[in-house]
C-alpha atoms as a PDB file:
ATOM      1  CA  MET A   1     -33.843  -6.262 -18.058  1.00  0.00           C
ATOM      2  CA  ALA A   2     -30.946  -5.501 -15.533  1.00  0.00           C
ATOM      3  CA  LYS A   3     -29.027  -2.040 -16.091  1.00  0.00           C
ATOM      4  CA  VAL A   4     -25.446  -2.878 -16.820  1.00  0.00           C
ATOM      5  CA  LYS A   5     -23.116  -0.567 -15.004  1.00  0.00           C
ATOM      6  CA  ALA A   6     -20.634   1.163 -17.003  1.00  0.00           C
ATOM      7  CA  MET A   7     -16.969   0.272 -17.056  1.00  0.00           C
ATOM      8  CA  PRO A   8     -15.014   2.754 -14.679  1.00  0.00           C
ATOM      9  CA  SER A   9     -12.669   3.523 -17.653  1.00  0.00           C
ATOM     10  CA  ASN A  10     -15.741   4.627 -19.624  1.00  0.00           C
ATOM     11  CA  SER A  11     -16.520   7.335 -17.326  1.00  0.00           C
ATOM     12  CA  PHE A  12     -12.993   8.451 -17.236  1.00  0.00           C
ATOM     13  CA  ARG A  13     -12.760   8.661 -20.767  1.00  0.00           C
ATOM     14  CA  ARG A  14     -16.145  10.613 -21.215  1.00  0.00           C
ATOM     15  CA  VAL A  15     -15.201  13.041 -18.710  1.00  0.00           C
ATOM     16  CA  ALA A  16     -11.839  13.529 -20.171  1.00  0.00           C
ATOM     17  CA  LEU A  17     -13.418  14.040 -23.691  1.00  0.00           C
ATOM     18  CA  SER A  18     -15.992  16.349 -22.402  1.00  0.00           C
ATOM     19  CA  LEU A  19     -13.164  18.887 -21.821  1.00  0.00           C
ATOM     20  CA  PRO A  20     -12.704  21.593 -24.439  1.00  0.00           C
ATOM     21  CA  GLY A  21     -10.309  20.720 -27.150  1.00  0.00           C
ATOM     22  CA  VAL A  22      -9.299  17.189 -26.083  1.00  0.00           C
ATOM     23  CA  ILE A  23      -8.405  14.518 -28.360  1.00  0.00           C
ATOM     24  CA  GLU A  24      -7.703  10.801 -27.630  1.00  0.00           C
ATOM     25  CA  GLY A  25      -4.489   9.246 -28.715  1.00  0.00           C
ATOM     26  CA  SER A  26      -2.181   6.377 -27.716  1.00  0.00           C
ATOM     27  CA  HIS A  27       0.991   6.644 -25.883  1.00  0.00           C
ATOM     28  CA  GLN A  28       2.974   3.435 -25.093  1.00  0.00           C
ATOM     29  CA  GLY A  29       0.130   1.155 -25.575  1.00  0.00           C
ATOM     30  CA  HIS A  30      -2.448   3.092 -23.460  1.00  0.00           C
ATOM     31  CA  ALA A  31      -5.133   5.698 -24.175  1.00  0.00           C
ATOM     32  CA  ASP A  32      -4.191   9.093 -23.725  1.00  0.00           C
ATOM     33  CA  PHE A  33      -5.935  12.410 -23.623  1.00  0.00           C
ATOM     34  CA  ARG A  34      -4.507  15.654 -24.823  1.00  0.00           C
ATOM     35  CA  ALA A  35      -5.004  19.475 -24.798  1.00  0.00           C
ATOM     36  CA  GLY A  36      -3.204  20.903 -27.708  1.00  0.00           C
ATOM     37  CA  LYS A  37      -0.277  18.473 -28.171  1.00  0.00           C
ATOM     38  CA  ARG A  38       0.281  17.696 -24.310  1.00  0.00           C
ATOM     39  CA  ILE A  39      -0.966  14.859 -22.545  1.00  0.00           C
ATOM     40  CA  PHE A  40      -2.920  15.279 -19.171  1.00  0.00           C
ATOM     41  CA  ALA A  41      -4.206  11.982 -18.679  1.00  0.00           C
ATOM     42  CA  THR A  42      -3.934   8.265 -19.619  1.00  0.00           C
ATOM     43  CA  LEU A  43      -5.928   5.136 -19.110  1.00  0.00           C
ATOM     44  CA  GLY A  44      -4.413   1.597 -18.221  1.00  0.00           C
ATOM     45  CA  TYR A  45      -1.660   2.167 -15.876  1.00  0.00           C
ATOM     46  CA  PRO A  46      -0.354   0.233 -14.136  1.00  0.00           C
ATOM     47  CA  ASP A  47      -3.390  -1.926 -15.228  1.00  0.00           C
ATOM     48  CA  GLN A  48      -6.980  -1.626 -16.194  1.00  0.00           C
ATOM     49  CA  GLU A  49      -8.282  -0.423 -12.780  1.00  0.00           C
ATOM     50  CA  TRP A  50      -6.386   2.702 -12.883  1.00  0.00           C
ATOM     51  CA  GLY A  51      -6.042   5.952 -14.642  1.00  0.00           C
ATOM     52  CA  THR A  52      -3.125   8.478 -14.637  1.00  0.00           C
ATOM     53  CA  LEU A  53      -3.227  12.432 -14.157  1.00  0.00           C
ATOM     54  CA  MET A  54      -0.441  14.672 -14.956  1.00  0.00           C
ATOM     55  CA  LEU A  55      -0.459  16.951 -11.962  1.00  0.00           C
ATOM     56  CA  THR A  56       2.010  19.386  -9.986  1.00  0.00           C
ATOM     57  CA  PRO A  57       3.566  17.767  -7.006  1.00  0.00           C
ATOM     58  CA  GLU A  58       1.541  20.250  -4.884  1.00  0.00           C
ATOM     59  CA  GLN A  59      -2.024  19.286  -6.679  1.00  0.00           C
ATOM     60  CA  GLN A  60      -1.101  15.549  -6.363  1.00  0.00           C
ATOM     61  CA  SER A  61      -0.416  16.006  -2.522  1.00  0.00           C
ATOM     62  CA  VAL A  62      -3.777  17.850  -1.893  1.00  0.00           C
ATOM     63  CA  LEU A  63      -5.666  15.001  -3.619  1.00  0.00           C
ATOM     64  CA  VAL A  64      -3.692  12.246  -2.171  1.00  0.00           C
ATOM     65  CA  GLU A  65      -4.365  13.466   1.353  1.00  0.00           C
ATOM     66  CA  ALA A  66      -7.896  14.250   0.803  1.00  0.00           C
ATOM     67  CA  GLU A  67      -8.921  10.843  -0.919  1.00  0.00           C
ATOM     68  CA  PRO A  68      -5.926   8.180  -0.343  1.00  0.00           C
ATOM     69  CA  ASP A  69      -8.554   5.460  -1.360  1.00  0.00           C
ATOM     70  CA  ILE A  70      -8.902   6.913  -4.822  1.00  0.00           C
ATOM     71  CA  PHE A  71      -5.312   8.815  -5.649  1.00  0.00           C
ATOM     72  CA  ARG A  72      -1.696   7.703  -5.103  1.00  0.00           C
ATOM     73  CA  PRO A  73       1.670   9.043  -6.610  1.00  0.00           C
ATOM     74  CA  VAL A  74       2.845   6.961  -9.571  1.00  0.00           C
ATOM     75  CA  PRO A  75       5.807   4.794  -8.277  1.00  0.00           C
ATOM     76  CA  GLY A  76       9.054   6.595  -9.180  1.00  0.00           C
ATOM     77  CA  GLY A  77      10.477   9.615 -10.669  1.00  0.00           C
ATOM     78  CA  TRP A  78       7.287  10.254 -12.695  1.00  0.00           C
ATOM     79  CA  GLY A  79       5.211  10.287  -9.363  1.00  0.00           C
ATOM     80  CA  LYS A  80       7.624  12.862  -7.485  1.00  0.00           C
ATOM     81  CA  ARG A  81       7.056  15.255 -10.622  1.00  0.00           C
ATOM     82  CA  GLY A  82       3.247  14.995  -9.909  1.00  0.00           C
ATOM     83  CA  SER A  83       2.065  11.924 -11.848  1.00  0.00           C
ATOM     84  CA  THR A  84      -0.800  10.396 -10.017  1.00  0.00           C
ATOM     85  CA  ASN A  85      -2.956   7.115 -10.259  1.00  0.00           C
ATOM     86  CA  VAL A  86      -6.543   7.220  -9.992  1.00  0.00           C
ATOM     87  CA  ARG A  87      -8.211   4.057  -8.730  1.00  0.00           C
ATOM     88  CA  LEU A  88     -11.204   3.984 -11.494  1.00  0.00           C
ATOM     89  CA  ALA A  89     -13.624   1.685  -9.411  1.00  0.00           C
ATOM     90  CA  ARG A  90     -13.438   4.474  -6.392  1.00  0.00           C
ATOM     91  CA  ALA A  91     -13.639   7.774  -8.104  1.00  0.00           C
ATOM     92  CA  ASP A  92     -17.532   9.031  -8.529  1.00  0.00           C
ATOM     93  CA  GLN A  93     -18.175  11.376 -11.513  1.00  0.00           C
ATOM     94  CA  THR A  94     -17.573  14.347  -9.530  1.00  0.00           C
ATOM     95  CA  THR A  95     -14.400  13.293  -8.233  1.00  0.00           C
ATOM     96  CA  LEU A  96     -13.187  12.361 -11.841  1.00  0.00           C
ATOM     97  CA  GLN A  97     -14.815  15.685 -13.258  1.00  0.00           C
ATOM     98  CA  SER A  98     -12.602  17.784 -10.781  1.00  0.00           C
ATOM     99  CA  ALA A  99      -9.325  15.768 -10.991  1.00  0.00           C
ATOM    100  CA  LEU A 100      -9.435  15.398 -14.907  1.00  0.00           C
ATOM    101  CA  THR A 101     -10.039  19.361 -15.160  1.00  0.00           C
ATOM    102  CA  LEU A 102      -7.227  20.286 -12.738  1.00  0.00           C
ATOM    103  CA  ALA A 103      -5.038  18.073 -14.826  1.00  0.00           C
ATOM    104  CA  TRP A 104      -6.131  19.511 -18.081  1.00  0.00           C
ATOM    105  CA  THR A 105      -5.735  23.193 -17.002  1.00  0.00           C
ATOM    106  CA  ASN A 106      -2.064  22.314 -16.527  1.00  0.00           C
ATOM    107  CA  VAL A 107      -1.452  21.882 -20.255  1.00  0.00           C
ATOM    108  CA  ALA A 108      -4.571  23.490 -21.982  1.00  0.00           C
ATOM    109  CA  PRO A 109      -3.378  26.364 -24.595  1.00  0.00           C
ATOM    110  CA  LYS A 110      -4.437  29.678 -23.247  1.00  0.00           C
ATOM    111  CA  ALA A 111      -7.139  29.860 -25.731  1.00  0.00           C
ATOM    112  CA  LEU A 112      -8.922  26.750 -24.324  1.00  0.00           C
ATOM    113  CA  LEU A 113      -8.426  27.879 -20.962  1.00  0.00           C
ATOM    114  CA  THR A 114     -10.170  31.148 -21.923  1.00  0.00           C
ATOM    115  CA  THR A 115     -13.102  29.458 -23.546  1.00  0.00           C
ATOM    116  CA  HIS A 116     -13.568  27.044 -20.593  1.00  0.00           C
ATOM    117  CA  ASN A 117     -13.626  29.863 -17.895  1.00  0.00           C
ATOM    118  CA  LYS A 118     -16.450  31.808 -20.016  1.00  0.00           C
ATOM    119  CA  THR A 119     -18.458  28.744 -20.168  1.00  0.00           C
ATOM    120  CA  LYS A 120     -18.335  27.455 -16.595  1.00  0.00           C
ATOM    121  CA  PRO A 121     -21.393  28.082 -14.505  1.00  0.00           C
END
């Protein structure tokens, strides 16, 4: 039997939910991922091929420059404030883990950050 390749959105979801204290919700018809009460990532914008990370403009600049085939600023004002699209089919597990963790650290409550930093290898 042939092995079925996982949908890229499943990898994004799995990595996001593996971070401490993350819950999945819904925002404007898209799955979102929250730490505390703040959204740090969404799936399905602008379409099902993409995820979105809530980064700082500086973090966005580093990721877009390093991996322009994977990351791009969200068009318009949100992108200027750091919202960054991720092309799901091109992002490997390590890249997703790193980028999602970066976005998570921007919004996670201090108690979660402390717990996460103590458990990192």
